[in-house]
């Protein structure tokens, strides 16, 4: 898997987590601290784990881990980790409060 493909999958996981938590449309504002730790070998499967780690007025920080698993021996490896800042937006793509006060 190329790094760009891994980053795209991680961004999608962050979008789902932030949108699910706020029930608002969210967009990517930035990604930080993306660490690629191990390669993903051909024939492996991946699992993405996304956690909300911080909420602000309109932003949500989501930590995403990308795990790979070797199908033959079941070994799981933390492959990448990163923080994604997602912003809740309205129909005109203007920031709105992510969570009701």
PDB file of N, CA and C in Angstrom:
ATOM      1  N   UNK A   1       0.850  -1.170   0.000  1.00  0.00           N
ATOM      2  CA  UNK A   1       0.000   0.000   0.000  1.00  0.00           C
ATOM      3  C   UNK A   1       0.893   1.230   0.000  1.00  0.00           C
ATOM      4  N   UNK A   2       0.599   2.159  -0.879  1.00  0.00           N
ATOM      5  CA  UNK A   2       1.346   3.402  -0.923  1.00  0.00           C
ATOM      6  C   UNK A   2       0.907   4.309   0.223  1.00  0.00           C
ATOM      7  N   UNK A   3       1.819   5.174   0.677  1.00  0.00           N
ATOM      8  CA  UNK A   3       1.526   6.077   1.781  1.00  0.00           C
ATOM      9  C   UNK A   3       0.324   6.965   1.518  1.00  0.00           C
ATOM     10  N   UNK A   4       0.167   7.426   0.289  1.00  0.00           N
ATOM     11  CA  UNK A   4      -0.978   8.274  -0.054  1.00  0.00           C
ATOM     12  C   UNK A   4      -2.299   7.539   0.082  1.00  0.00           C
ATOM     13  N   UNK A   5      -2.293   6.258  -0.282  1.00  0.00           N
ATOM     14  CA  UNK A   5      -3.506   5.446  -0.139  1.00  0.00           C
ATOM     15  C   UNK A   5      -3.833   5.231   1.340  1.00  0.00           C
ATOM     16  N   UNK A   6      -2.803   4.992   2.144  1.00  0.00           N
ATOM     17  CA  UNK A   6      -3.007   4.813   3.585  1.00  0.00           C
ATOM     18  C   UNK A   6      -3.551   6.097   4.190  1.00  0.00           C
ATOM     19  N   UNK A   7      -2.990   7.226   3.805  1.00  0.00           N
ATOM     20  CA  UNK A   7      -3.442   8.518   4.318  1.00  0.00           C
ATOM     21  C   UNK A   7      -4.891   8.792   3.920  1.00  0.00           C
ATOM     22  N   UNK A   8      -5.269   8.434   2.712  1.00  0.00           N
ATOM     23  CA  UNK A   8      -6.652   8.624   2.257  1.00  0.00           C
ATOM     24  C   UNK A   8      -7.614   7.784   3.096  1.00  0.00           C
ATOM     25  N   UNK A   9      -7.255   6.545   3.368  1.00  0.00           N
ATOM     26  CA  UNK A   9      -8.109   5.678   4.189  1.00  0.00           C
ATOM     27  C   UNK A   9      -8.221   6.214   5.616  1.00  0.00           C
ATOM     28  N   UNK A  10      -7.122   6.699   6.154  1.00  0.00           N
ATOM     29  CA  UNK A  10      -7.129   7.253   7.506  1.00  0.00           C
ATOM     30  C   UNK A  10      -8.006   8.509   7.576  1.00  0.00           C
ATOM     31  N   UNK A  11      -7.948   9.333   6.540  1.00  0.00           N
ATOM     32  CA  UNK A  11      -8.778  10.537   6.486  1.00  0.00           C
ATOM     33  C   UNK A  11     -10.257  10.173   6.448  1.00  0.00           C
ATOM     34  N   UNK A  12     -10.607   9.149   5.699  1.00  0.00           N
ATOM     35  CA  UNK A  12     -12.001   8.697   5.644  1.00  0.00           C
ATOM     36  C   UNK A  12     -12.471   8.209   7.018  1.00  0.00           C
ATOM     37  N   UNK A  13     -11.615   7.498   7.728  1.00  0.00           N
ATOM     38  CA  UNK A  13     -11.974   7.032   9.068  1.00  0.00           C
ATOM     39  C   UNK A  13     -12.180   8.215  10.011  1.00  0.00           C
ATOM     40  N   UNK A  14     -11.339   9.239   9.899  1.00  0.00           N
ATOM     41  CA  UNK A  14     -11.486  10.437  10.726  1.00  0.00           C
ATOM     42  C   UNK A  14     -12.796  11.152  10.408  1.00  0.00           C
ATOM     43  N   UNK A  15     -13.137  11.229   9.126  1.00  0.00           N
ATOM     44  CA  UNK A  15     -14.400  11.840   8.710  1.00  0.00           C
ATOM     45  C   UNK A  15     -15.585  11.111   9.324  1.00  0.00           C
ATOM     46  N   UNK A  16     -15.588   9.805   9.249  1.00  0.00           N
ATOM     47  CA  UNK A  16     -16.703   9.021   9.793  1.00  0.00           C
ATOM     48  C   UNK A  16     -16.820   9.237  11.299  1.00  0.00           C
ATOM     49  N   UNK A  17     -15.699   9.175  12.009  1.00  0.00           N
ATOM     50  CA  UNK A  17     -15.733   9.344  13.467  1.00  0.00           C
ATOM     51  C   UNK A  17     -16.238  10.727  13.861  1.00  0.00           C
ATOM     52  N   UNK A  18     -15.742  11.777  13.211  1.00  0.00           N
ATOM     53  CA  UNK A  18     -16.139  13.144  13.555  1.00  0.00           C
ATOM     54  C   UNK A  18     -17.594  13.409  13.186  1.00  0.00           C
ATOM     55  N   UNK A  19     -18.013  12.926  12.031  1.00  0.00           N
ATOM     56  CA  UNK A  19     -19.386  13.130  11.592  1.00  0.00           C
ATOM     57  C   UNK A  19     -20.350  12.349  12.474  1.00  0.00           C
ATOM     58  N   UNK A  20     -19.986  11.139  12.821  1.00  0.00           N
ATOM     59  CA  UNK A  20     -20.828  10.322  13.700  1.00  0.00           C
ATOM     60  C   UNK A  20     -20.974  10.983  15.067  1.00  0.00           C
ATOM     61  N   UNK A  21     -19.898  11.537  15.596  1.00  0.00           N
ATOM     62  CA  UNK A  21     -19.934  12.148  16.928  1.00  0.00           C
ATOM     63  C   UNK A  21     -20.744  13.439  16.938  1.00  0.00           C
ATOM     64  N   UNK A  22     -20.606  14.269  15.909  1.00  0.00           N
ATOM     65  CA  UNK A  22     -21.266  15.580  15.900  1.00  0.00           C
ATOM     66  C   UNK A  22     -22.609  15.569  15.188  1.00  0.00           C
ATOM     67  N   UNK A  23     -22.826  14.581  14.332  1.00  0.00           N
ATOM     68  CA  UNK A  23     -24.017  14.529  13.475  1.00  0.00           C
ATOM     69  C   UNK A  23     -24.110  15.763  12.578  1.00  0.00           C
ATOM     70  N   UNK A  24     -22.922  16.269  12.215  1.00  0.00           N
ATOM     71  CA  UNK A  24     -22.802  17.385  11.272  1.00  0.00           C
ATOM     72  C   UNK A  24     -21.817  16.967  10.185  1.00  0.00           C
ATOM     73  N   UNK A  25     -21.932  17.575   9.018  1.00  0.00           N
ATOM     74  CA  UNK A  25     -20.952  17.337   7.968  1.00  0.00           C
ATOM     75  C   UNK A  25     -19.617  17.899   8.431  1.00  0.00           C
ATOM     76  N   UNK A  26     -18.560  17.121   8.262  1.00  0.00           N
ATOM     77  CA  UNK A  26     -17.230  17.599   8.645  1.00  0.00           C
ATOM     78  C   UNK A  26     -16.290  17.531   7.449  1.00  0.00           C
ATOM     79  N   UNK A  27     -15.290  18.395   7.483  1.00  0.00           N
ATOM     80  CA  UNK A  27     -14.260  18.418   6.441  1.00  0.00           C
ATOM     81  C   UNK A  27     -12.892  18.416   7.113  1.00  0.00           C
ATOM     82  N   UNK A  28     -11.912  17.973   6.391  1.00  0.00           N
ATOM     83  CA  UNK A  28     -10.549  17.932   6.903  1.00  0.00           C
ATOM     84  C   UNK A  28      -9.946  19.329   6.928  1.00  0.00           C
ATOM     85  N   UNK A  29      -9.478  19.763   8.092  1.00  0.00           N
ATOM     86  CA  UNK A  29      -8.780  21.049   8.204  1.00  0.00           C
ATOM     87  C   UNK A  29      -7.276  20.827   8.159  1.00  0.00           C
ATOM     88  N   UNK A  30      -6.796  19.791   8.862  1.00  0.00           N
ATOM     89  CA  UNK A  30      -5.371  19.480   8.809  1.00  0.00           C
ATOM     90  C   UNK A  30      -5.133  18.080   9.346  1.00  0.00           C
ATOM     91  N   UNK A  31      -3.991  17.558   8.987  1.00  0.00           N
ATOM     92  CA  UNK A  31      -3.551  16.291   9.570  1.00  0.00           C
ATOM     93  C   UNK A  31      -2.168  16.544  10.163  1.00  0.00           C
ATOM     94  N   UNK A  32      -1.955  15.975  11.335  1.00  0.00           N
ATOM     95  CA  UNK A  32      -0.722  16.236  12.074  1.00  0.00           C
ATOM     96  C   UNK A  32      -0.121  14.935  12.572  1.00  0.00           C
ATOM     97  N   UNK A  33       1.159  14.967  12.773  1.00  0.00           N
ATOM     98  CA  UNK A  33       1.850  13.843  13.408  1.00  0.00           C
ATOM     99  C   UNK A  33       1.520  12.510  12.749  1.00  0.00           C
ATOM    100  N   UNK A  34       1.630  12.449  11.444  1.00  0.00           N
ATOM    101  CA  UNK A  34       1.390  11.194  10.749  1.00  0.00           C
ATOM    102  C   UNK A  34       2.689  10.398  10.789  1.00  0.00           C
ATOM    103  N   UNK A  35       2.644   9.277  11.460  1.00  0.00           N
ATOM    104  CA  UNK A  35       3.820   8.419  11.569  1.00  0.00           C
ATOM    105  C   UNK A  35       3.555   7.100  10.867  1.00  0.00           C
ATOM    106  N   UNK A  36       4.363   6.802   9.849  1.00  0.00           N
ATOM    107  CA  UNK A  36       4.300   5.511   9.175  1.00  0.00           C
ATOM    108  C   UNK A  36       5.359   4.634   9.826  1.00  0.00           C
ATOM    109  N   UNK A  37       4.928   3.598  10.518  1.00  0.00           N
ATOM    110  CA  UNK A  37       5.830   2.799  11.332  1.00  0.00           C
ATOM    111  C   UNK A  37       6.331   1.525  10.630  1.00  0.00           C
ATOM    112  N   UNK A  38       5.464   0.882   9.865  1.00  0.00           N
ATOM    113  CA  UNK A  38       5.813  -0.370   9.193  1.00  0.00           C
ATOM    114  C   UNK A  38       5.154  -0.408   7.818  1.00  0.00           C
ATOM    115  N   UNK A  39       5.691  -1.202   6.961  1.00  0.00           N
ATOM    116  CA  UNK A  39       5.087  -1.358   5.638  1.00  0.00           C
ATOM    117  C   UNK A  39       3.946  -2.368   5.717  1.00  0.00           C
ATOM    118  N   UNK A  40       3.065  -2.306   4.743  1.00  0.00           N
ATOM    119  CA  UNK A  40       1.969  -3.271   4.634  1.00  0.00           C
ATOM    120  C   UNK A  40       2.320  -4.185   3.479  1.00  0.00           C
ATOM    121  N   UNK A  41       2.424  -5.456   3.753  1.00  0.00           N
ATOM    122  CA  UNK A  41       2.827  -6.399   2.724  1.00  0.00           C
ATOM    123  C   UNK A  41       1.635  -6.819   1.864  1.00  0.00           C
ATOM    124  N   UNK A  42       1.936  -7.229   0.657  1.00  0.00           N
ATOM    125  CA  UNK A  42       0.908  -7.703  -0.271  1.00  0.00           C
ATOM    126  C   UNK A  42       0.182  -8.880   0.368  1.00  0.00           C
ATOM    127  N   UNK A  43      -1.127  -8.868   0.291  1.00  0.00           N
ATOM    128  CA  UNK A  43      -1.935  -9.947   0.847  1.00  0.00           C
ATOM    129  C   UNK A  43      -2.404  -9.688   2.272  1.00  0.00           C
ATOM    130  N   UNK A  44      -1.952  -8.580   2.860  1.00  0.00           N
ATOM    131  CA  UNK A  44      -2.401  -8.231   4.205  1.00  0.00           C
ATOM    132  C   UNK A  44      -3.733  -7.507   4.126  1.00  0.00           C
ATOM    133  N   UNK A  45      -4.457  -7.518   5.228  1.00  0.00           N
ATOM    134  CA  UNK A  45      -5.664  -6.721   5.329  1.00  0.00           C
ATOM    135  C   UNK A  45      -5.394  -5.590   6.314  1.00  0.00           C
ATOM    136  N   UNK A  46      -6.209  -4.540   6.234  1.00  0.00           N
ATOM    137  CA  UNK A  46      -6.006  -3.413   7.145  1.00  0.00           C
ATOM    138  C   UNK A  46      -7.262  -3.181   7.978  1.00  0.00           C
ATOM    139  N   UNK A  47      -7.038  -2.592   9.139  1.00  0.00           N
ATOM    140  CA  UNK A  47      -8.124  -2.185  10.022  1.00  0.00           C
ATOM    141  C   UNK A  47      -7.797  -0.773  10.495  1.00  0.00           C
ATOM    142  N   UNK A  48      -8.806   0.083  10.482  1.00  0.00           N
ATOM    143  CA  UNK A  48      -8.628   1.462  10.938  1.00  0.00           C
ATOM    144  C   UNK A  48      -9.414   1.661  12.224  1.00  0.00           C
ATOM    145  N   UNK A  49      -8.765   2.270  13.209  1.00  0.00           N
ATOM    146  CA  UNK A  49      -9.402   2.556  14.492  1.00  0.00           C
ATOM    147  C   UNK A  49      -9.327   4.065  14.697  1.00  0.00           C
ATOM    148  N   UNK A  50     -10.496   4.707  14.824  1.00  0.00           N
ATOM    149  CA  UNK A  50     -10.561   6.161  14.981  1.00  0.00           C
ATOM    150  C   UNK A  50     -11.176   6.500  16.332  1.00  0.00           C
ATOM    151  N   UNK A  51     -10.527   7.429  17.047  1.00  0.00           N
ATOM    152  CA  UNK A  51     -11.000   7.866  18.364  1.00  0.00           C
ATOM    153  C   UNK A  51     -11.025   9.378  18.426  1.00  0.00           C
ATOM    154  N   UNK A  52     -12.094   9.930  18.982  1.00  0.00           N
ATOM    155  CA  UNK A  52     -12.161  11.370  19.235  1.00  0.00           C
ATOM    156  C   UNK A  52     -11.272  11.642  20.444  1.00  0.00           C
ATOM    157  N   UNK A  53     -10.313  12.550  20.299  1.00  0.00           N
ATOM    158  CA  UNK A  53      -9.416  12.860  21.416  1.00  0.00           C
ATOM    159  C   UNK A  53      -9.588  14.286  21.931  1.00  0.00           C
ATOM    160  N   UNK A  54     -10.256  15.146  21.137  1.00  0.00           N
ATOM    161  CA  UNK A  54     -10.484  16.514  21.588  1.00  0.00           C
ATOM    162  C   UNK A  54     -11.617  17.118  20.776  1.00  0.00           C
ATOM    163  N   UNK A  55     -12.428  17.927  21.450  1.00  0.00           N
ATOM    164  CA  UNK A  55     -13.462  18.668  20.730  1.00  0.00           C
ATOM    165  C   UNK A  55     -13.316  20.143  21.059  1.00  0.00           C
ATOM    166  N   UNK A  56     -13.557  20.954  20.065  1.00  0.00           N
ATOM    167  CA  UNK A  56     -13.559  22.407  20.231  1.00  0.00           C
ATOM    168  C   UNK A  56     -14.915  22.940  19.820  1.00  0.00           C
ATOM    169  N   UNK A  57     -14.988  24.229  19.549  1.00  0.00           N
ATOM    170  CA  UNK A  57     -16.272  24.815  19.162  1.00  0.00           C
ATOM    171  C   UNK A  57     -16.774  24.210  17.849  1.00  0.00           C
ATOM    172  N   UNK A  58     -15.934  24.257  16.831  1.00  0.00           N
ATOM    173  CA  UNK A  58     -16.344  23.693  15.544  1.00  0.00           C
ATOM    174  C   UNK A  58     -15.431  22.558  15.087  1.00  0.00           C
ATOM    175  N   UNK A  59     -14.361  22.319  15.814  1.00  0.00           N
ATOM    176  CA  UNK A  59     -13.401  21.301  15.382  1.00  0.00           C
ATOM    177  C   UNK A  59     -13.400  20.078  16.300  1.00  0.00           C
ATOM    178  N   UNK A  60     -12.989  18.984  15.715  1.00  0.00           N
ATOM    179  CA  UNK A  60     -12.851  17.716  16.426  1.00  0.00           C
ATOM    180  C   UNK A  60     -11.512  17.118  16.021  1.00  0.00           C
ATOM    181  N   UNK A  61     -10.711  16.745  16.995  1.00  0.00           N
ATOM    182  CA  UNK A  61      -9.450  16.067  16.696  1.00  0.00           C
ATOM    183  C   UNK A  61      -9.671  14.571  16.831  1.00  0.00           C
ATOM    184  N   UNK A  62      -9.304  13.857  15.783  1.00  0.00           N
ATOM    185  CA  UNK A  62      -9.505  12.415  15.728  1.00  0.00           C
ATOM    186  C   UNK A  62      -8.143  11.745  15.570  1.00  0.00           C
ATOM    187  N   UNK A  63      -7.828  10.814  16.465  1.00  0.00           N
ATOM    188  CA  UNK A  63      -6.618  10.010  16.307  1.00  0.00           C
ATOM    189  C   UNK A  63      -7.006   8.747  15.554  1.00  0.00           C
ATOM    190  N   UNK A  64      -6.238   8.445  14.523  1.00  0.00           N
ATOM    191  CA  UNK A  64      -6.517   7.262  13.707  1.00  0.00           C
ATOM    192  C   UNK A  64      -5.295   6.355  13.717  1.00  0.00           C
ATOM    193  N   UNK A  65      -5.545   5.082  13.987  1.00  0.00           N
ATOM    194  CA  UNK A  65      -4.507   4.056  13.892  1.00  0.00           C
ATOM    195  C   UNK A  65      -4.834   3.159  12.710  1.00  0.00           C
ATOM    196  N   UNK A  66      -3.818   2.808  11.954  1.00  0.00           N
ATOM    197  CA  UNK A  66      -3.970   1.866  10.850  1.00  0.00           C
ATOM    198  C   UNK A  66      -3.199   0.601  11.223  1.00  0.00           C
ATOM    199  N   UNK A  67      -3.906  -0.492  11.319  1.00  0.00           N
ATOM    200  CA  UNK A  67      -3.318  -1.784  11.661  1.00  0.00           C
ATOM    201  C   UNK A  67      -3.334  -2.668  10.433  1.00  0.00           C
ATOM    202  N   UNK A  68      -2.295  -3.464  10.255  1.00  0.00           N
ATOM    203  CA  UNK A  68      -2.280  -4.457   9.182  1.00  0.00           C
ATOM    204  C   UNK A  68      -2.221  -5.847   9.808  1.00  0.00           C
ATOM    205  N   UNK A  69      -2.787  -6.789   9.106  1.00  0.00           N
ATOM    206  CA  UNK A  69      -2.787  -8.175   9.586  1.00  0.00           C
ATOM    207  C   UNK A  69      -2.360  -9.104   8.468  1.00  0.00           C
ATOM    208  N   UNK A  70      -1.394  -9.932   8.770  1.00  0.00           N
ATOM    209  CA  UNK A  70      -0.953 -10.963   7.836  1.00  0.00           C
ATOM    210  C   UNK A  70      -1.988 -12.082   7.875  1.00  0.00           C
ATOM    211  N   UNK A  71      -2.601 -12.358   6.736  1.00  0.00           N
ATOM    212  CA  UNK A  71      -3.662 -13.361   6.706  1.00  0.00           C
ATOM    213  C   UNK A  71      -3.176 -14.769   7.001  1.00  0.00           C
ATOM    214  N   UNK A  72      -1.906 -15.042   6.752  1.00  0.00           N
ATOM    215  CA  UNK A  72      -1.408 -16.408   6.938  1.00  0.00           C
ATOM    216  C   UNK A  72      -1.076 -16.730   8.391  1.00  0.00           C
ATOM    217  N   UNK A  73      -0.520 -15.759   9.115  1.00  0.00           N
ATOM    218  CA  UNK A  73      -0.158 -16.078  10.508  1.00  0.00           C
ATOM    219  C   UNK A  73      -0.956 -15.262  11.534  1.00  0.00           C
ATOM    220  N   UNK A  74      -1.789 -14.331  11.074  1.00  0.00           N
ATOM    221  CA  UNK A  74      -2.637 -13.562  11.979  1.00  0.00           C
ATOM    222  C   UNK A  74      -1.925 -12.456  12.738  1.00  0.00           C
ATOM    223  N   UNK A  75      -0.656 -12.252  12.449  1.00  0.00           N
ATOM    224  CA  UNK A  75       0.110 -11.219  13.156  1.00  0.00           C
ATOM    225  C   UNK A  75      -0.428  -9.835  12.803  1.00  0.00           C
ATOM    226  N   UNK A  76      -0.734  -9.041  13.831  1.00  0.00           N
ATOM    227  CA  UNK A  76      -1.222  -7.681  13.638  1.00  0.00           C
ATOM    228  C   UNK A  76      -0.120  -6.695  13.999  1.00  0.00           C
ATOM    229  N   UNK A  77       0.008  -5.650  13.178  1.00  0.00           N
ATOM    230  CA  UNK A  77       1.060  -4.662  13.359  1.00  0.00           C
ATOM    231  C   UNK A  77       0.471  -3.268  13.245  1.00  0.00           C
ATOM    232  N   UNK A  78       0.801  -2.415  14.218  1.00  0.00           N
ATOM    233  CA  UNK A  78       0.429  -1.009  14.102  1.00  0.00           C
ATOM    234  C   UNK A  78       1.286  -0.419  12.990  1.00  0.00           C
ATOM    235  N   UNK A  79       0.655  -0.043  11.912  1.00  0.00           N
ATOM    236  CA  UNK A  79       1.363   0.381  10.714  1.00  0.00           C
ATOM    237  C   UNK A  79       1.522   1.893  10.628  1.00  0.00           C
ATOM    238  N   UNK A  80       0.486   2.628  11.031  1.00  0.00           N
ATOM    239  CA  UNK A  80       0.541   4.087  10.970  1.00  0.00           C
ATOM    240  C   UNK A  80      -0.388   4.670  12.024  1.00  0.00           C
ATOM    241  N   UNK A  81      -0.076   5.895  12.424  1.00  0.00           N
ATOM    242  CA  UNK A  81      -0.909   6.619  13.397  1.00  0.00           C
ATOM    243  C   UNK A  81      -0.846   8.094  13.041  1.00  0.00           C
ATOM    244  N   UNK A  82      -1.985   8.780  13.214  1.00  0.00           N
ATOM    245  CA  UNK A  82      -1.999  10.209  12.931  1.00  0.00           C
ATOM    246  C   UNK A  82      -3.163  10.909  13.597  1.00  0.00           C
ATOM    247  N   UNK A  83      -3.061  12.222  13.672  1.00  0.00           N
ATOM    248  CA  UNK A  83      -4.120  13.059  14.233  1.00  0.00           C
ATOM    249  C   UNK A  83      -4.710  13.894  13.103  1.00  0.00           C
ATOM    250  N   UNK A  84      -6.037  13.928  13.056  1.00  0.00           N
ATOM    251  CA  UNK A  84      -6.757  14.630  12.002  1.00  0.00           C
ATOM    252  C   UNK A  84      -7.697  15.640  12.643  1.00  0.00           C
ATOM    253  N   UNK A  85      -7.642  16.880  12.191  1.00  0.00           N
ATOM    254  CA  UNK A  85      -8.529  17.907  12.708  1.00  0.00           C
ATOM    255  C   UNK A  85      -9.645  18.101  11.691  1.00  0.00           C
ATOM    256  N   UNK A  86     -10.851  17.787  12.143  1.00  0.00           N
ATOM    257  CA  UNK A  86     -12.035  17.879  11.298  1.00  0.00           C
ATOM    258  C   UNK A  86     -12.883  19.049  11.777  1.00  0.00           C
ATOM    259  N   UNK A  87     -13.468  19.804  10.846  1.00  0.00           N
ATOM    260  CA  UNK A  87     -14.276  20.969  11.183  1.00  0.00           C
ATOM    261  C   UNK A  87     -15.699  20.747  10.681  1.00  0.00           C
ATOM    262  N   UNK A  88     -16.677  21.006  11.553  1.00  0.00           N
ATOM    263  CA  UNK A  88     -18.084  20.922  11.165  1.00  0.00           C
ATOM    264  C   UNK A  88     -18.427  22.131  10.304  1.00  0.00           C
ATOM    265  N   UNK A  89     -19.162  21.889   9.212  1.00  0.00           N
ATOM    266  CA  UNK A  89     -19.514  22.976   8.291  1.00  0.00           C
ATOM    267  C   UNK A  89     -20.997  22.917   7.929  1.00  0.00           C
ATOM    268  N   UNK A  90     -21.519  24.086   7.482  1.00  0.00           N
ATOM    269  CA  UNK A  90     -22.895  24.137   7.006  1.00  0.00           C
ATOM    270  C   UNK A  90     -22.908  23.880   5.494  1.00  0.00           C
ATOM    271  N   UNK A  91     -24.046  24.094   4.877  1.00  0.00           N
ATOM    272  CA  UNK A  91     -24.179  23.829   3.434  1.00  0.00           C
ATOM    273  C   UNK A  91     -23.312  24.741   2.574  1.00  0.00           C
ATOM    274  N   UNK A  92     -22.928  25.882   3.133  1.00  0.00           N
ATOM    275  CA  UNK A  92     -22.061  26.818   2.405  1.00  0.00           C
ATOM    276  C   UNK A  92     -20.594  26.635   2.785  1.00  0.00           C
ATOM    277  N   UNK A  93     -20.303  25.545   3.446  1.00  0.00           N
ATOM    278  CA  UNK A  93     -18.945  25.211   3.896  1.00  0.00           C
ATOM    279  C   UNK A  93     -18.367  26.221   4.885  1.00  0.00           C
ATOM    280  N   UNK A  94     -19.223  26.843   5.682  1.00  0.00           N
ATOM    281  CA  UNK A  94     -18.767  27.727   6.745  1.00  0.00           C
ATOM    282  C   UNK A  94     -18.771  26.963   8.054  1.00  0.00           C
ATOM    283  N   UNK A  95     -17.762  27.188   8.911  1.00  0.00           N
ATOM    284  CA  UNK A  95     -17.714  26.470  10.193  1.00  0.00           C
ATOM    285  C   UNK A  95     -18.960  26.738  11.040  1.00  0.00           C
ATOM    286  N   UNK A  96     -19.429  25.679  11.681  1.00  0.00           N
ATOM    287  CA  UNK A  96     -20.566  25.772  12.611  1.00  0.00           C
ATOM    288  C   UNK A  96     -20.189  25.028  13.882  1.00  0.00           C
ATOM    289  N   UNK A  97     -20.885  25.300  14.986  1.00  0.00           N
ATOM    290  CA  UNK A  97     -20.585  24.538  16.214  1.00  0.00           C
ATOM    291  C   UNK A  97     -20.750  23.040  15.964  1.00  0.00           C
ATOM    292  N   UNK A  98     -19.757  22.282  16.388  1.00  0.00           N
ATOM    293  CA  UNK A  98     -19.785  20.835  16.165  1.00  0.00           C
ATOM    294  C   UNK A  98     -20.731  20.134  17.111  1.00  0.00           C
ATOM    295  N   UNK A  99     -20.863  20.670  18.310  1.00  0.00           N
ATOM    296  CA  UNK A  99     -21.683  20.027  19.330  1.00  0.00           C
ATOM    297  C   UNK A  99     -22.589  21.062  19.971  1.00  0.00           C
ATOM    298  N   UNK A 100     -23.791  20.641  20.312  1.00  0.00           N
ATOM    299  CA  UNK A 100     -24.727  21.545  20.993  1.00  0.00           C
ATOM    300  C   UNK A 100     -24.194  21.845  22.399  1.00  0.00           C
ATOM    301  N   UNK A 101     -24.387  23.084  22.815  1.00  0.00           N
ATOM    302  CA  UNK A 101     -23.904  23.497  24.146  1.00  0.00           C
ATOM    303  C   UNK A 101     -24.841  23.018  25.235  1.00  0.00           C
TER     304      UNK A 101
END
